[in-house]
Amino acid sequence: MKRTTEELALGIAQALYDKQAQDIRVLDVRGVSTVTDICVVASGTSTPHLRALQKAAMAYLKSQDEAHYRLSGDADSGWVLLDAFTVVAHVFAPEARAYYDIEALWKGAAEIPFTPRA
């Protein structure tokens, strides 16, 4: 069964949480962005952690039959972007997240509550 866009975004957020991502935010950018509906933003603590977060998000997308997504950046650059069209996930090293300040770009977006499952 295909998930809604919001369910897909929250599932990505959970996959990131399960790998100890930090400061996870889910932003509804519909009406603010012309390129996607929801942005998931999270931080990792190191290059290996960013790789693990990237793999977790990709595995989640594959488990949901979301085989059509694009990957940009890499853990070595401090920023990984997974574009699943209606949901985009940004996974940053803390320094890159502060520098790019994606949340300020989407300051008009509503935040979708994310309550992680233990």
N, C-alpha and C. Protein backbone atom coordinates (compact mmCIF):
# COMPACT_ATOMS: atom_id res chain seq x y z
N MET A 1 0.83 -1.18 0.00
CA MET A 1 0.00 0.00 0.00
C MET A 1 0.88 1.25 0.00
N LYS A 2 0.62 2.14 -0.90
CA LYS A 2 1.38 3.38 -1.04
C LYS A 2 1.09 4.31 0.13
N ARG A 3 2.13 4.91 0.67
CA ARG A 3 1.99 5.84 1.79
C ARG A 3 1.71 7.24 1.26
N THR A 4 1.06 8.06 2.10
CA THR A 4 0.86 9.46 1.74
C THR A 4 2.21 10.16 1.82
N THR A 5 2.28 11.34 1.29
CA THR A 5 3.51 12.13 1.34
C THR A 5 3.94 12.37 2.78
N GLU A 6 3.00 12.73 3.63
CA GLU A 6 3.32 12.98 5.04
C GLU A 6 3.80 11.70 5.73
N GLU A 7 3.16 10.58 5.46
CA GLU A 7 3.59 9.31 6.05
C GLU A 7 5.00 8.95 5.59
N LEU A 8 5.28 9.20 4.31
CA LEU A 8 6.61 8.92 3.79
C LEU A 8 7.66 9.79 4.48
N ALA A 9 7.37 11.07 4.65
CA ALA A 9 8.30 11.98 5.32
C ALA A 9 8.53 11.56 6.77
N LEU A 10 7.46 11.22 7.47
CA LEU A 10 7.59 10.80 8.87
C LEU A 10 8.33 9.46 8.97
N GLY A 11 8.17 8.60 7.98
CA GLY A 11 8.91 7.34 7.95
C GLY A 11 10.41 7.58 7.76
N ILE A 12 10.75 8.53 6.90
CA ILE A 12 12.16 8.89 6.72
C ILE A 12 12.70 9.45 8.02
N ALA A 13 11.93 10.32 8.65
CA ALA A 13 12.36 10.90 9.93
C ALA A 13 12.59 9.80 10.97
N GLN A 14 11.73 8.80 11.00
CA GLN A 14 11.88 7.70 11.96
C GLN A 14 13.13 6.89 11.64
N ALA A 15 13.37 6.62 10.35
CA ALA A 15 14.58 5.88 9.97
C ALA A 15 15.84 6.62 10.39
N LEU A 16 15.82 7.94 10.25
CA LEU A 16 16.95 8.74 10.69
C LEU A 16 17.08 8.72 12.21
N TYR A 17 15.97 8.83 12.89
CA TYR A 17 15.97 8.78 14.36
C TYR A 17 16.54 7.45 14.86
N ASP A 18 16.15 6.37 14.19
CA ASP A 18 16.61 5.03 14.59
C ASP A 18 18.13 4.90 14.50
N LYS A 19 18.76 5.76 13.71
CA LYS A 19 20.22 5.77 13.59
C LYS A 19 20.82 6.96 14.34
N GLN A 20 20.09 7.49 15.29
CA GLN A 20 20.53 8.58 16.18
C GLN A 20 20.79 9.91 15.48
N ALA A 21 20.01 10.23 14.46
CA ALA A 21 20.10 11.56 13.87
C ALA A 21 19.70 12.58 14.93
N GLN A 22 20.22 13.78 14.80
CA GLN A 22 19.93 14.84 15.77
C GLN A 22 19.09 15.94 15.14
N ASP A 23 18.32 16.61 15.99
CA ASP A 23 17.54 17.79 15.60
C ASP A 23 16.74 17.55 14.32
N ILE A 24 15.91 16.54 14.33
CA ILE A 24 15.10 16.19 13.15
C ILE A 24 13.90 17.12 13.07
N ARG A 25 13.71 17.71 11.92
CA ARG A 25 12.55 18.57 11.68
C ARG A 25 11.88 18.13 10.39
N VAL A 26 10.55 18.18 10.38
CA VAL A 26 9.76 17.84 9.19
C VAL A 26 8.95 19.08 8.85
N LEU A 27 9.22 19.65 7.69
CA LEU A 27 8.62 20.92 7.28
C LEU A 27 7.71 20.75 6.08
N ASP A 28 6.48 21.21 6.21
CA ASP A 28 5.52 21.18 5.11
C ASP A 28 5.75 22.43 4.28
N VAL A 29 6.37 22.26 3.13
CA VAL A 29 6.73 23.41 2.29
C VAL A 29 5.76 23.61 1.12
N ARG A 30 4.64 22.91 1.16
CA ARG A 30 3.63 23.14 0.13
C ARG A 30 3.18 24.59 0.21
N GLY A 31 3.13 25.25 -0.91
CA GLY A 31 2.76 26.66 -0.93
C GLY A 31 3.94 27.59 -0.72
N VAL A 32 5.07 27.05 -0.28
CA VAL A 32 6.29 27.83 -0.08
C VAL A 32 7.33 27.44 -1.13
N SER A 33 7.33 26.17 -1.52
CA SER A 33 8.28 25.64 -2.48
C SER A 33 7.56 25.18 -3.74
N THR A 34 8.23 25.31 -4.86
CA THR A 34 7.67 24.79 -6.10
C THR A 34 8.33 23.47 -6.49
N VAL A 35 9.27 22.98 -5.67
CA VAL A 35 10.00 21.78 -6.04
C VAL A 35 9.64 20.53 -5.24
N THR A 36 9.04 20.69 -4.07
CA THR A 36 8.68 19.53 -3.26
C THR A 36 7.56 19.90 -2.30
N ASP A 37 7.03 18.91 -1.61
CA ASP A 37 5.95 19.14 -0.65
C ASP A 37 6.44 19.19 0.79
N ILE A 38 7.35 18.30 1.13
CA ILE A 38 7.82 18.20 2.51
C ILE A 38 9.33 18.04 2.53
N CYS A 39 9.99 18.75 3.45
CA CYS A 39 11.43 18.63 3.67
C CYS A 39 11.67 18.03 5.04
N VAL A 40 12.52 17.03 5.09
CA VAL A 40 13.00 16.47 6.35
C VAL A 40 14.43 16.96 6.50
N VAL A 41 14.74 17.53 7.65
CA VAL A 41 16.08 18.06 7.90
C VAL A 41 16.60 17.40 9.17
N ALA A 42 17.85 16.92 9.12
CA ALA A 42 18.45 16.27 10.29
C ALA A 42 19.95 16.46 10.26
N SER A 43 20.57 16.21 11.40
CA SER A 43 22.03 16.31 11.51
C SER A 43 22.64 15.00 11.94
N GLY A 44 23.85 14.77 11.46
CA GLY A 44 24.68 13.66 11.91
C GLY A 44 25.92 14.22 12.58
N THR A 45 26.61 13.41 13.32
CA THR A 45 27.72 13.90 14.13
C THR A 45 29.10 13.74 13.49
N SER A 46 29.20 12.95 12.43
CA SER A 46 30.49 12.68 11.80
C SER A 46 30.25 12.15 10.39
N THR A 47 31.31 12.04 9.64
CA THR A 47 31.19 11.49 8.28
C THR A 47 30.62 10.06 8.31
N PRO A 48 31.14 9.16 9.16
CA PRO A 48 30.54 7.82 9.20
C PRO A 48 29.06 7.85 9.63
N HIS A 49 28.72 8.75 10.53
CA HIS A 49 27.33 8.86 10.95
C HIS A 49 26.45 9.33 9.79
N LEU A 50 26.93 10.31 9.03
CA LEU A 50 26.17 10.78 7.86
C LEU A 50 25.96 9.64 6.87
N ARG A 51 26.99 8.81 6.66
CA ARG A 51 26.84 7.65 5.76
C ARG A 51 25.76 6.71 6.28
N ALA A 52 25.77 6.44 7.58
CA ALA A 52 24.76 5.54 8.17
C ALA A 52 23.36 6.13 8.03
N LEU A 53 23.23 7.43 8.21
CA LEU A 53 21.92 8.08 8.06
C LEU A 53 21.44 8.01 6.61
N GLN A 54 22.35 8.25 5.68
CA GLN A 54 22.01 8.15 4.26
C GLN A 54 21.52 6.75 3.93
N LYS A 55 22.24 5.75 4.37
CA LYS A 55 21.86 4.36 4.10
C LYS A 55 20.52 4.02 4.72
N ALA A 56 20.27 4.51 5.93
CA ALA A 56 19.00 4.24 6.60
C ALA A 56 17.82 4.85 5.83
N ALA A 57 17.99 6.08 5.38
CA ALA A 57 16.92 6.74 4.62
C ALA A 57 16.69 6.03 3.29
N MET A 58 17.76 5.65 2.62
CA MET A 58 17.63 4.93 1.35
C MET A 58 16.95 3.58 1.56
N ALA A 59 17.33 2.87 2.60
CA ALA A 59 16.71 1.56 2.90
C ALA A 59 15.22 1.73 3.18
N TYR A 60 14.88 2.78 3.90
CA TYR A 60 13.45 3.02 4.17
C TYR A 60 12.70 3.27 2.86
N LEU A 61 13.23 4.13 2.01
CA LEU A 61 12.56 4.40 0.73
C LEU A 61 12.38 3.13 -0.08
N LYS A 62 13.41 2.31 -0.13
CA LYS A 62 13.31 1.05 -0.88
C LYS A 62 12.25 0.14 -0.26
N SER A 63 12.17 0.11 1.07
CA SER A 63 11.18 -0.74 1.74
C SER A 63 9.75 -0.30 1.45
N GLN A 64 9.60 0.95 1.05
CA GLN A 64 8.28 1.49 0.74
C GLN A 64 8.00 1.51 -0.77
N ASP A 65 8.81 0.77 -1.52
CA ASP A 65 8.71 0.74 -2.99
C ASP A 65 8.87 2.11 -3.62
N GLU A 66 9.66 2.95 -2.98
CA GLU A 66 10.00 4.27 -3.51
C GLU A 66 11.38 4.15 -4.15
N ALA A 67 11.45 3.43 -5.24
CA ALA A 67 12.74 3.18 -5.88
C ALA A 67 13.21 4.37 -6.70
N HIS A 68 12.33 5.31 -6.97
CA HIS A 68 12.68 6.45 -7.81
C HIS A 68 12.99 7.66 -6.92
N TYR A 69 14.24 7.78 -6.58
CA TYR A 69 14.71 8.93 -5.83
C TYR A 69 16.11 9.26 -6.32
N ARG A 70 16.53 10.47 -6.05
CA ARG A 70 17.87 10.89 -6.44
C ARG A 70 18.69 11.20 -5.20
N LEU A 71 19.95 10.94 -5.29
CA LEU A 71 20.88 11.22 -4.21
C LEU A 71 21.86 12.27 -4.69
N SER A 72 22.06 13.30 -3.89
CA SER A 72 23.05 14.34 -4.21
C SER A 72 23.95 14.53 -3.00
N GLY A 73 25.15 14.96 -3.27
CA GLY A 73 26.11 15.17 -2.18
C GLY A 73 26.60 13.84 -1.65
N ASP A 74 27.46 13.92 -0.65
CA ASP A 74 27.92 12.71 0.01
C ASP A 74 28.36 13.06 1.42
N ALA A 75 28.56 12.06 2.21
CA ALA A 75 28.91 12.26 3.61
C ALA A 75 30.19 13.07 3.76
N ASP A 76 31.14 12.87 2.86
CA ASP A 76 32.41 13.60 2.94
C ASP A 76 32.22 15.11 2.77
N SER A 77 31.19 15.52 2.06
CA SER A 77 30.94 16.95 1.85
C SER A 77 30.20 17.58 3.03
N GLY A 78 29.64 16.74 3.91
CA GLY A 78 28.89 17.26 5.05
C GLY A 78 27.42 17.47 4.77
N TRP A 79 26.96 17.09 3.57
CA TRP A 79 25.55 17.30 3.22
C TRP A 79 25.12 16.23 2.24
N VAL A 80 24.08 15.51 2.61
CA VAL A 80 23.49 14.50 1.74
C VAL A 80 22.04 14.91 1.50
N LEU A 81 21.61 14.85 0.26
CA LEU A 81 20.23 15.18 -0.09
C LEU A 81 19.61 13.97 -0.78
N LEU A 82 18.49 13.53 -0.27
CA LEU A 82 17.71 12.47 -0.92
C LEU A 82 16.43 13.11 -1.44
N ASP A 83 16.22 13.05 -2.73
CA ASP A 83 15.07 13.67 -3.37
C ASP A 83 14.12 12.57 -3.85
N ALA A 84 13.03 12.39 -3.12
CA ALA A 84 12.00 11.42 -3.50
C ALA A 84 10.80 12.16 -4.11
N PHE A 85 11.06 13.29 -4.72
CA PHE A 85 10.11 14.13 -5.44
C PHE A 85 9.15 14.87 -4.51
N THR A 86 8.24 14.19 -3.85
CA THR A 86 7.33 14.90 -2.95
C THR A 86 7.93 15.11 -1.57
N VAL A 87 9.00 14.39 -1.28
CA VAL A 87 9.73 14.54 -0.01
C VAL A 87 11.22 14.66 -0.33
N VAL A 88 11.84 15.66 0.28
CA VAL A 88 13.29 15.83 0.15
C VAL A 88 13.87 15.77 1.56
N ALA A 89 14.90 14.96 1.73
CA ALA A 89 15.56 14.84 3.02
C ALA A 89 16.97 15.43 2.92
N HIS A 90 17.26 16.36 3.82
CA HIS A 90 18.59 16.97 3.92
C HIS A 90 19.23 16.42 5.19
N VAL A 91 20.39 15.81 5.06
CA VAL A 91 21.12 15.31 6.22
C VAL A 91 22.48 16.01 6.23
N PHE A 92 22.71 16.76 7.29
CA PHE A 92 23.87 17.64 7.38
C PHE A 92 24.81 17.27 8.51
N ALA A 93 26.08 17.61 8.34
CA ALA A 93 26.99 17.76 9.46
C ALA A 93 26.58 19.07 10.14
N PRO A 94 26.78 19.21 11.45
CA PRO A 94 26.33 20.43 12.14
C PRO A 94 26.85 21.73 11.51
N GLU A 95 28.10 21.75 11.08
CA GLU A 95 28.66 22.96 10.49
C GLU A 95 27.97 23.32 9.18
N ALA A 96 27.71 22.32 8.36
CA ALA A 96 27.04 22.55 7.07
C ALA A 96 25.60 22.99 7.30
N ARG A 97 24.95 22.41 8.28
CA ARG A 97 23.56 22.81 8.57
C ARG A 97 23.50 24.26 9.00
N ALA A 98 24.43 24.67 9.84
CA ALA A 98 24.47 26.06 10.28
C ALA A 98 24.77 27.00 9.10
N TYR A 99 25.69 26.58 8.23
CA TYR A 99 26.09 27.42 7.10
C TYR A 99 24.94 27.60 6.10
N TYR A 100 24.30 26.50 5.71
CA TYR A 100 23.25 26.58 4.69
C TYR A 100 21.91 27.03 5.24
N ASP A 101 21.65 26.81 6.51
CA ASP A 101 20.45 27.29 7.20
C ASP A 101 19.17 27.05 6.39
N ILE A 102 18.98 25.81 6.01
CA ILE A 102 17.82 25.41 5.20
C ILE A 102 16.50 25.82 5.87
N GLU A 103 16.44 25.71 7.19
CA GLU A 103 15.20 26.06 7.88
C GLU A 103 14.81 27.52 7.65
N ALA A 104 15.79 28.41 7.55
CA ALA A 104 15.48 29.82 7.28
C ALA A 104 14.93 29.99 5.86
N LEU A 105 15.41 29.17 4.94
CA LEU A 105 14.90 29.21 3.57
C LEU A 105 13.41 28.90 3.55
N TRP A 106 12.98 27.98 4.42
CA TRP A 106 11.58 27.56 4.47
C TRP A 106 10.88 28.13 5.70
N LYS A 107 11.24 29.36 6.10
CA LYS A 107 10.70 29.93 7.33
C LYS A 107 9.18 30.08 7.31
N GLY A 108 8.57 30.12 6.15
CA GLY A 108 7.12 30.21 6.07
C GLY A 108 6.42 28.87 6.13
N ALA A 109 7.19 27.79 6.27
CA ALA A 109 6.62 26.44 6.26
C ALA A 109 6.10 26.05 7.65
N ALA A 110 5.04 25.29 7.64
CA ALA A 110 4.53 24.73 8.89
C ALA A 110 5.35 23.51 9.27
N GLU A 111 5.57 23.32 10.54
CA GLU A 111 6.30 22.13 11.00
C GLU A 111 5.30 21.02 11.26
N ILE A 112 5.61 19.85 10.72
CA ILE A 112 4.78 18.66 10.95
C ILE A 112 5.34 17.99 12.19
N PRO A 113 4.51 17.77 13.20
CA PRO A 113 5.02 17.14 14.43
C PRO A 113 5.58 15.74 14.15
N PHE A 114 6.77 15.51 14.66
CA PHE A 114 7.40 14.20 14.56
C PHE A 114 7.62 13.68 15.98
N THR A 115 6.93 12.62 16.29
CA THR A 115 7.10 11.95 17.59
C THR A 115 7.71 10.58 17.31
N PRO A 116 9.00 10.43 17.62
CA PRO A 116 9.65 9.15 17.31
C PRO A 116 9.07 7.99 18.10
N ARG A 117 9.04 6.84 17.44
CA ARG A 117 8.67 5.60 18.13
C ARG A 117 9.96 5.02 18.73
N ALA A 118 9.86 4.52 19.90
CA ALA A 118 11.04 3.94 20.56
C ALA A 118 11.40 2.61 19.95
